[in-house]
Amino acid sequence: MSDRLRPPLAAEARRLTKENQWERASEKLQQLIADVTGIKALSLQINRDQYSLNSLNGRVVLADGRTLFFKFHHEEGEEHTIDEYYRAELLREHGFAVDVPVYTCGEPGRQILLYRLRNDQRLADACREVESSVDGAQSTAIIEAQRRADSDILAHTLPTLRMATAAEVAAESIHQLFWNRLVSEGDRDGLGGRVAQFYVGQRFTLGEVQLDWETLSQMHWQVNGVFYPQTLHQLFLAAGQVLNPAALASHGVVVAHGDAHNANVWYETQHAEPKLVSFDPAFAGSNIPALLAEIKATFHNIYAHPCWLYEPDDAAARYQVNVRCEGERLIVDHDWQLSPLRRAFLTSKGDLYWKPLLADLQKKGWLPDNWQQILRLALFCCPTLVMNLRAGSSSQHNPTSSAIGFSVAVMLACGGEDEFTHWIDSLITEN
């Protein structure tokens, strides 16, 4: 049987873990790893961590005595939308700090990476420790490492900035994280894909309020006293238009990782100064729309924390939420806010990456008039489409974390008198 006709073992393994059939999933992954390496896999352990939203990782012992770290990413329907995953060598060739795997299979349905085993923490885990212990010295070290990384990422990104054809842009796998999650085959209105799977026709519990999708999707939000004019229905429809690959082909493309959230970043401490090294470049490419390249990192490393996205049970214990309806307005008051660590990350990402990138696009005449809308809607898609934010769904969200999650998503997407609007307005100075 040819490689293209092999069963999608990665997809089977992901499905089995969702059904809590971990032993059978391990067997599928051992078979896949043996196929990829040509070496029998003797044993395999899948890590069960809060960051594995669309992926799995763990350790495997091979018959030649090596123990390797593995990670793979699987998206529903990817066999029809993605031609190839993983381009670590592309990133290394352009100077990015990236861990190159020992073995790679980028074929949809069978994609997997195998790395040499490390003792380094993932940056996500190091940050969680800091926010749990309020370790000032460690926090300072992480912030400085992030600032150096943001400067380095920009330095290696800007030289790759160029124009590309619509076909080149459309071929990039990064659209699997945005537009492909908004639409279904034959349906391009922004209410297909995961929007339809997660939300359309469902019931929602936000705090003490219960609403159906037809009602919730048409309501206007007021969060902590700030009014946001657009409804969820309007935002998803707008995202389906604005994030269409064809609409992103005119403002320049770059070489980028595309999915460098902190669970895909090693925190190396063996150097004179801690260093950040990315891995799992599942969506890396050479024609990534410039305004999408650091969206995932901007959201997942900043606005998903502290804890509400990845640890909803902790959020329910930690935060207070009050939700009520007044006519067509949904009023949400909550006490979630960015931690000092995440505020420092936001300042770093803005000052050292976004401001100079936008300035260069503006200088070249490539910055679209709707650049803020592109950024806002892409950020909106991160929490709403990476997992199901509906309380009681398979993602384990609850009425507290669901209310916070949708509130954060709406805040990022809409213009309002809030801190995020102040931040995004500060990214560029009009001539």
Protein backbone atom coordinates (compact mmCIF):
# COMPACT_ATOMS: atom_id res chain seq x y z
CA MET A 1 0.00 0.00 0.00
CA SER A 2 1.35 3.44 -0.89
CA ASP A 3 1.91 6.06 1.81
CA ARG A 4 -1.00 8.14 0.50
CA LEU A 5 -3.38 5.20 0.97
CA ARG A 6 -2.36 4.34 4.52
CA PRO A 7 -5.01 4.80 7.25
CA PRO A 8 -4.85 8.20 9.00
CA LEU A 9 -3.24 6.89 12.18
CA ALA A 10 -2.80 10.30 13.78
CA ALA A 11 -6.47 11.07 13.30
CA GLU A 12 -7.42 7.71 14.79
CA ALA A 13 -5.19 8.28 17.80
CA ARG A 14 -6.67 11.74 18.43
CA ARG A 15 -10.19 10.35 18.19
CA LEU A 16 -9.39 7.55 20.64
CA THR A 17 -8.00 9.95 23.26
CA LYS A 18 -11.19 11.99 23.07
CA GLU A 19 -13.02 8.76 23.89
CA ASN A 20 -10.57 8.12 26.78
CA GLN A 21 -9.19 5.04 25.02
CA TRP A 22 -5.59 5.93 25.81
CA GLU A 23 -4.13 2.44 25.45
CA ARG A 24 -5.56 1.98 21.97
CA ALA A 25 -4.40 5.48 21.02
CA SER A 26 -0.88 4.58 22.16
CA GLU A 27 -0.96 1.48 19.96
CA LYS A 28 -1.89 3.59 16.92
CA LEU A 29 0.91 6.03 17.64
CA GLN A 30 3.44 3.24 18.13
CA GLN A 31 2.44 1.90 14.71
CA LEU A 32 2.76 5.36 13.15
CA ILE A 33 6.15 6.00 14.75
CA ALA A 34 7.43 2.63 13.58
CA ASP A 35 6.30 3.49 10.04
CA VAL A 36 7.99 6.90 10.16
CA THR A 37 11.29 5.83 11.76
CA GLY A 38 11.62 2.30 10.45
CA ILE A 39 12.31 1.27 14.06
CA LYS A 40 9.95 -0.61 16.36
CA ALA A 41 8.41 1.45 19.15
CA LEU A 42 8.68 -0.55 22.38
CA SER A 43 6.60 1.71 24.62
CA LEU A 44 4.86 5.04 24.46
CA GLN A 45 3.45 7.49 26.99
CA ILE A 46 1.00 10.23 26.02
CA ASN A 47 1.12 13.36 28.16
CA ARG A 48 -2.24 14.56 29.43
CA ASP A 49 -1.84 18.31 29.73
CA GLN A 50 -4.19 21.26 29.46
CA TYR A 51 -2.44 22.72 26.42
CA SER A 52 -3.11 19.82 24.05
CA LEU A 53 -6.20 21.30 22.45
CA ASN A 54 -5.71 19.91 18.92
CA SER A 55 -2.54 17.90 19.43
CA LEU A 56 -0.89 15.15 21.45
CA ASN A 57 2.62 14.82 22.79
CA GLY A 58 4.65 12.42 24.90
CA ARG A 59 7.61 10.06 25.01
CA VAL A 60 8.38 6.96 23.00
CA VAL A 61 11.08 4.33 23.57
CA LEU A 62 12.50 2.87 20.34
CA ALA A 63 14.04 -0.56 19.87
CA ASP A 64 17.45 1.04 19.23
CA GLY A 65 17.52 2.33 22.81
CA ARG A 66 16.60 5.96 22.16
CA THR A 67 13.82 7.78 23.98
CA LEU A 68 12.31 10.58 21.90
CA PHE A 69 9.75 13.31 22.48
CA PHE A 70 6.89 13.24 19.98
CA LYS A 71 4.20 15.75 19.06
CA PHE A 72 1.55 15.81 16.39
CA HIS A 73 -1.29 18.08 15.37
CA HIS A 74 -4.59 16.96 13.89
CA GLU A 75 -7.46 19.03 12.54
CA GLU A 76 -10.87 17.77 11.49
CA GLY A 77 -11.11 17.61 7.71
CA GLU A 78 -7.45 18.49 7.21
CA GLU A 79 -6.99 15.65 4.73
CA HIS A 80 -8.94 17.81 2.27
CA THR A 81 -7.44 21.22 3.08
CA ILE A 82 -3.75 20.76 3.93
CA ASP A 83 -1.12 19.39 1.58
CA GLU A 84 1.86 19.32 3.92
CA TYR A 85 2.77 20.15 7.51
CA TYR A 86 6.02 21.07 9.27
CA ARG A 87 8.75 23.23 7.80
CA ALA A 88 11.32 23.48 10.59
CA GLU A 89 14.23 23.67 8.15
CA LEU A 90 12.62 26.68 6.48
CA LEU A 91 12.61 28.51 9.81
CA ARG A 92 16.18 27.51 10.63
CA GLU A 93 17.40 28.62 7.19
CA HIS A 94 16.03 32.10 7.94
CA GLY A 95 17.67 32.29 11.35
CA PHE A 96 14.73 31.59 13.64
CA ALA A 97 15.47 29.81 16.92
CA VAL A 98 13.72 26.51 16.26
CA ASP A 99 14.21 22.92 17.39
CA VAL A 100 14.58 20.70 14.32
CA PRO A 101 13.11 17.21 14.74
CA VAL A 102 15.00 13.96 14.28
CA TYR A 103 12.10 12.50 12.28
CA THR A 104 9.24 14.21 10.48
CA CYS A 105 6.12 13.03 8.71
CA GLY A 106 4.08 15.95 7.38
CA GLU A 107 1.43 13.95 5.58
CA PRO A 108 -2.11 14.93 6.69
CA GLY A 109 -3.65 12.22 8.85
CA ARG A 110 -0.21 10.78 9.67
CA GLN A 111 1.72 13.91 10.61
CA ILE A 112 4.11 13.62 13.54
CA LEU A 113 7.40 15.07 14.78
CA LEU A 114 9.99 13.22 16.87
CA TYR A 115 12.61 15.22 18.76
CA ARG A 116 15.56 14.36 20.92
CA LEU A 117 14.39 14.24 24.53
CA ARG A 118 14.97 17.46 26.46
CA ASN A 119 15.01 18.43 30.12
CA ASP A 120 13.85 21.97 29.33
CA GLN A 121 10.47 23.23 30.43
CA ARG A 122 7.97 24.49 27.96
CA LEU A 123 7.55 28.22 28.40
CA ALA A 124 3.86 27.67 29.15
CA ASP A 125 4.76 25.57 32.20
CA ALA A 126 7.40 28.04 33.39
CA CYS A 127 4.87 30.88 33.16
CA ARG A 128 2.25 28.89 35.03
CA GLU A 129 4.72 28.28 37.86
CA VAL A 130 5.46 32.00 38.08
CA GLU A 131 1.80 32.95 38.18
CA SER A 132 1.15 30.32 40.84
CA SER A 133 4.05 31.31 43.10
CA VAL A 134 4.59 35.04 42.33
CA ASP A 135 8.32 34.42 41.85
CA GLY A 136 9.66 37.89 41.02
CA ALA A 137 13.14 36.79 39.95
CA GLN A 138 11.81 34.07 37.65
CA SER A 139 9.19 36.43 36.25
CA THR A 140 11.87 38.99 35.37
CA ALA A 141 14.01 36.33 33.68
CA ILE A 142 11.06 35.09 31.60
CA ILE A 143 10.03 38.61 30.58
CA GLU A 144 13.55 39.46 29.46
CA ALA A 145 13.75 36.19 27.53
CA GLN A 146 10.46 37.04 25.84
CA ARG A 147 11.69 40.52 24.93
CA ARG A 148 14.84 39.09 23.36
CA ALA A 149 12.73 36.55 21.49
CA ASP A 150 10.31 39.18 20.16
CA SER A 151 13.26 41.25 18.91
CA ASP A 152 14.85 38.22 17.28
CA ILE A 153 11.59 37.12 15.65
CA LEU A 154 11.13 40.56 14.13
CA ALA A 155 14.76 40.65 12.95
CA HIS A 156 14.28 37.40 11.05
CA THR A 157 10.75 38.21 9.86
CA LEU A 158 11.22 41.63 8.25
CA PRO A 159 13.84 40.52 5.67
CA THR A 160 11.34 37.95 4.35
CA LEU A 161 8.53 40.47 3.83
CA ARG A 162 7.43 40.48 0.19
CA MET A 163 4.34 40.35 -1.99
CA ALA A 164 2.89 37.00 -3.04
CA THR A 165 0.18 35.77 -5.36
CA ALA A 166 -3.27 34.91 -4.12
CA ALA A 167 -2.58 31.25 -4.98
CA GLU A 168 0.61 31.23 -2.89
CA VAL A 169 -1.19 32.74 0.08
CA ALA A 170 -4.14 30.36 -0.20
CA ALA A 171 -1.82 27.33 -0.20
CA GLU A 172 -0.46 28.07 3.29
CA SER A 173 -1.51 25.75 6.10
CA ILE A 174 -1.96 28.62 8.58
CA HIS A 175 -5.48 29.16 7.22
CA GLN A 176 -6.41 25.91 8.98
CA LEU A 177 -6.24 27.94 12.21
CA PHE A 178 -8.56 30.69 10.98
CA TRP A 179 -10.62 30.64 7.78
CA ASN A 180 -10.89 26.87 7.45
CA ARG A 181 -12.44 26.76 10.93
CA LEU A 182 -15.05 29.34 9.91
CA VAL A 183 -16.37 27.71 6.75
CA SER A 184 -17.61 24.38 5.48
CA GLU A 185 -17.30 22.90 2.03
CA GLY A 186 -19.68 24.80 -0.23
CA ASP A 187 -20.52 27.25 2.59
CA ARG A 188 -18.37 30.38 2.77
CA ASP A 189 -20.41 32.66 5.04
CA GLY A 190 -18.41 32.31 8.27
CA LEU A 191 -21.04 30.23 10.06
CA GLY A 192 -19.75 26.83 8.96
CA GLY A 193 -16.82 24.75 10.17
CA ARG A 194 -16.31 24.89 13.91
CA VAL A 195 -18.82 27.71 14.29
CA ALA A 196 -21.55 25.33 13.16
CA GLN A 197 -20.05 22.42 15.07
CA PHE A 198 -19.60 24.28 18.36
CA TYR A 199 -22.32 26.92 18.51
CA VAL A 200 -25.08 27.12 15.91
CA GLY A 201 -28.28 25.62 17.26
CA GLN A 202 -26.84 25.03 20.75
CA ARG A 203 -27.81 26.28 24.20
CA PHE A 204 -25.45 28.38 26.32
CA THR A 205 -25.07 28.97 30.05
CA LEU A 206 -23.21 32.19 30.83
CA GLY A 207 -23.11 32.78 34.57
CA GLU A 208 -26.71 32.24 35.66
CA VAL A 209 -28.16 33.12 32.25
CA GLN A 210 -29.26 30.47 29.75
CA LEU A 211 -29.75 31.38 26.10
CA ASP A 212 -30.12 29.60 22.77
CA TRP A 213 -27.82 30.43 19.87
CA GLU A 214 -30.50 32.26 17.94
CA THR A 215 -30.89 34.71 20.84
CA LEU A 216 -27.27 34.93 22.00
CA SER A 217 -25.88 35.43 18.50
CA GLN A 218 -28.01 38.56 18.01
CA MET A 219 -27.30 40.22 21.36
CA HIS A 220 -25.01 43.20 21.93
CA TRP A 221 -22.47 42.90 24.71
CA GLN A 222 -21.62 45.19 27.58
CA VAL A 223 -18.58 43.95 29.50
CA ASN A 224 -17.43 45.64 32.70
CA GLY A 225 -19.30 48.78 31.72
CA VAL A 226 -17.96 48.94 28.13
CA PHE A 227 -20.46 48.61 25.29
CA TYR A 228 -19.47 46.55 22.23
CA PRO A 229 -21.63 47.17 19.15
CA GLN A 230 -21.19 43.98 17.13
CA THR A 231 -22.99 40.70 17.79
CA LEU A 232 -21.42 37.23 17.65
CA HIS A 233 -23.35 36.62 14.43
CA GLN A 234 -21.89 39.75 12.86
CA LEU A 235 -18.36 38.98 14.07
CA PHE A 236 -18.29 35.44 12.68
CA LEU A 237 -19.70 36.63 9.35
CA ALA A 238 -17.13 39.43 9.18
CA ALA A 239 -14.31 37.01 10.03
CA GLY A 240 -15.44 34.74 7.20
CA GLN A 241 -14.99 37.65 4.78
CA VAL A 242 -11.94 39.42 6.18
CA LEU A 243 -9.88 36.28 6.87
CA ASN A 244 -10.59 34.68 3.52
CA PRO A 245 -7.11 33.92 2.09
CA ALA A 246 -7.99 35.81 -1.07
CA ALA A 247 -8.61 38.93 1.04
CA LEU A 248 -5.20 38.63 2.75
CA ALA A 249 -3.02 38.47 -0.35
CA SER A 250 -2.41 42.19 -0.84
CA HIS A 251 -0.53 43.31 2.28
CA GLY A 252 2.61 41.21 2.09
CA VAL A 253 3.72 37.81 3.32
CA VAL A 254 6.51 36.59 5.59
CA VAL A 255 8.29 33.46 6.67
CA ALA A 256 6.93 32.57 10.10
CA HIS A 257 6.19 29.79 12.59
CA GLY A 258 2.53 30.83 12.70
CA ASP A 259 1.59 28.94 15.88
CA ALA A 260 4.28 29.85 18.43
CA HIS A 261 2.13 29.74 21.54
CA ASN A 262 4.11 29.01 24.68
CA ALA A 263 3.32 25.30 24.73
CA ASN A 264 5.30 25.19 21.46
CA VAL A 265 8.30 27.00 22.96
CA TRP A 266 11.15 25.57 25.03
CA TYR A 267 12.48 27.68 27.91
CA GLU A 268 16.22 26.99 27.83
CA THR A 269 18.04 27.99 31.04
CA GLN A 270 21.47 26.46 30.44
CA HIS A 271 22.76 29.62 28.75
CA ALA A 272 24.11 32.79 30.35
CA GLU A 273 20.65 34.23 29.66
CA PRO A 274 17.47 32.12 29.28
CA LYS A 275 16.54 31.53 25.66
CA LEU A 276 13.27 30.71 23.91
CA VAL A 277 13.33 28.06 21.17
CA SER A 278 10.18 27.16 19.24
CA PHE A 279 9.16 23.69 18.09
CA ASP A 280 6.18 22.02 16.40
CA PRO A 281 6.04 24.32 13.34
CA ALA A 282 2.88 22.64 12.11
CA PHE A 283 1.76 25.78 10.28
CA ALA A 284 5.08 27.37 9.32
CA GLY A 285 5.36 28.73 5.83
CA SER A 286 7.00 31.19 3.47
CA ASN A 287 3.82 32.96 2.31
CA ILE A 288 2.06 33.65 5.59
CA PRO A 289 0.05 36.91 5.55
CA ALA A 290 2.11 39.35 7.58
CA LEU A 291 -0.80 40.35 9.80
CA LEU A 292 -1.48 36.71 10.78
CA ALA A 293 2.05 35.60 11.60
CA GLU A 294 2.08 36.41 15.34
CA ILE A 295 -1.65 36.39 16.05
CA LYS A 296 -1.66 32.99 17.77
CA ALA A 297 1.28 33.97 19.97
CA THR A 298 -0.33 37.32 20.80
CA PHE A 299 -3.58 35.73 21.93
CA HIS A 300 -2.55 32.42 23.47
CA ASN A 301 0.47 33.73 25.38
CA ILE A 302 -1.37 36.77 26.73
CA TYR A 303 -5.16 36.89 26.66
CA ALA A 304 -5.78 33.18 27.35
CA HIS A 305 -4.28 33.70 30.82
CA PRO A 306 -4.45 33.59 33.74
CA CYS A 307 -6.07 30.17 33.49
CA TRP A 308 -9.51 30.79 31.98
CA LEU A 309 -8.92 29.08 28.61
CA TYR A 310 -6.77 26.14 29.66
CA GLU A 311 -7.93 25.54 33.25
CA PRO A 312 -11.66 26.36 33.36
CA ASP A 313 -12.15 24.69 36.77
CA ASP A 314 -9.48 26.99 38.24
CA ALA A 315 -11.20 29.97 36.63
CA ALA A 316 -14.51 29.03 38.23
CA ALA A 317 -12.86 28.92 41.65
CA ARG A 318 -10.84 32.08 41.12
CA TYR A 319 -13.15 34.57 39.38
CA GLN A 320 -16.56 36.09 39.97
CA VAL A 321 -18.95 36.57 37.06
CA ASN A 322 -22.35 38.24 36.93
CA VAL A 323 -24.42 38.01 33.75
CA ARG A 324 -27.85 39.48 33.03
CA CYS A 325 -29.97 40.41 30.02
CA GLU A 326 -31.53 43.81 29.45
CA GLY A 327 -33.50 43.73 26.23
CA GLU A 328 -31.07 42.98 23.40
CA ARG A 329 -28.05 43.71 25.59
CA LEU A 330 -26.07 41.02 27.42
CA ILE A 331 -24.39 42.60 30.43
CA VAL A 332 -21.34 40.79 31.85
CA ASP A 333 -19.32 41.90 34.85
CA HIS A 334 -16.26 39.87 35.84
CA ASP A 335 -13.01 40.30 37.77
CA TRP A 336 -10.65 38.53 35.35
CA GLN A 337 -7.71 40.62 34.19
CA LEU A 338 -4.25 40.16 32.75
CA SER A 339 -1.55 39.26 35.25
CA PRO A 340 1.60 41.44 35.51
CA LEU A 341 3.48 38.76 33.52
CA ARG A 342 0.96 38.84 30.66
CA ARG A 343 0.87 42.64 30.64
CA ALA A 344 4.63 42.61 30.23
CA PHE A 345 4.26 40.14 27.36
CA LEU A 346 1.70 42.44 25.71
CA THR A 347 4.03 45.43 25.99
CA SER A 348 6.90 43.41 24.57
CA LYS A 349 4.91 42.05 21.65
CA GLY A 350 3.56 45.49 20.83
CA ASP A 351 6.80 47.47 21.14
CA LEU A 352 9.24 44.94 19.72
CA TYR A 353 7.20 43.16 17.07
CA TRP A 354 3.91 44.75 16.05
CA LYS A 355 4.96 48.42 15.95
CA PRO A 356 8.01 47.93 13.70
CA LEU A 357 6.19 45.43 11.48
CA LEU A 358 3.25 47.77 10.93
CA ALA A 359 5.63 50.69 10.35
CA ASP A 360 7.43 48.73 7.65
CA LEU A 361 4.16 47.76 5.98
CA GLN A 362 3.06 51.37 6.08
CA LYS A 363 6.36 52.58 4.64
CA LYS A 364 6.01 50.15 1.73
CA GLY A 365 2.41 51.21 1.14
CA TRP A 366 1.19 47.69 1.91
CA LEU A 367 -0.72 48.31 5.14
CA PRO A 368 -4.43 47.83 4.43
CA ASP A 369 -6.92 50.37 5.72
CA ASN A 370 -8.65 47.62 7.70
CA TRP A 371 -5.51 46.32 9.42
CA GLN A 372 -7.07 46.70 12.86
CA GLN A 373 -10.12 44.72 11.76
CA ILE A 374 -7.88 41.93 10.44
CA LEU A 375 -5.96 41.73 13.71
CA ARG A 376 -9.09 41.97 15.84
CA LEU A 377 -11.05 39.28 13.98
CA ALA A 378 -8.08 36.91 13.87
CA LEU A 379 -7.64 37.37 17.63
CA PHE A 380 -11.39 36.77 18.05
CA CYS A 381 -11.08 33.45 16.22
CA CYS A 382 -8.34 32.18 18.55
CA PRO A 383 -10.48 31.49 21.64
CA THR A 384 -13.79 30.87 19.87
CA LEU A 385 -12.50 28.31 17.37
CA VAL A 386 -9.55 26.60 19.06
CA MET A 387 -11.99 24.85 21.39
CA ASN A 388 -15.67 24.91 22.23
CA LEU A 389 -16.28 27.78 24.67
CA ARG A 390 -19.80 26.60 25.43
CA ALA A 391 -20.32 25.48 29.03
CA GLY A 392 -20.97 21.77 29.34
CA SER A 393 -19.38 20.91 26.00
CA SER A 394 -16.62 18.36 25.50
CA SER A 395 -14.02 21.06 26.27
CA GLN A 396 -15.13 21.12 29.93
CA HIS A 397 -15.87 24.83 30.02
CA ASN A 398 -18.24 25.99 32.74
CA PRO A 399 -20.62 28.97 33.09
CA THR A 400 -17.84 31.14 34.57
CA SER A 401 -15.06 30.36 32.09
CA SER A 402 -17.51 30.46 29.17
CA ALA A 403 -18.72 33.95 30.12
CA ILE A 404 -15.14 35.18 30.53
CA GLY A 405 -14.07 33.55 27.27
CA PHE A 406 -16.79 35.07 25.12
CA SER A 407 -16.32 38.44 26.85
CA VAL A 408 -12.60 38.44 26.08
CA ALA A 409 -13.26 37.38 22.48
CA VAL A 410 -15.81 40.17 21.97
CA MET A 411 -13.50 42.72 23.61
CA LEU A 412 -10.67 41.80 21.24
CA ALA A 413 -12.93 41.89 18.18
CA CYS A 414 -14.83 45.13 18.77
CA GLY A 415 -13.74 48.68 19.31
CA GLY A 416 -14.62 49.91 22.79
CA GLU A 417 -13.27 52.17 25.52
CA ASP A 418 -10.96 49.53 26.97
CA GLU A 419 -7.28 48.75 27.50
CA PHE A 420 -7.01 46.59 24.40
CA THR A 421 -8.28 49.40 22.18
CA HIS A 422 -5.70 51.72 23.74
CA TRP A 423 -2.99 49.11 23.01
CA ILE A 424 -3.95 48.48 19.39
CA ASP A 425 -4.38 52.20 18.72
CA SER A 426 -0.84 52.75 20.01
CA LEU A 427 0.71 50.36 17.49
CA ILE A 428 0.91 52.86 14.68
CA THR A 429 1.24 56.62 14.36
CA GLU A 430 -0.68 58.06 11.45
CA ASN A 431 1.33 60.37 9.18
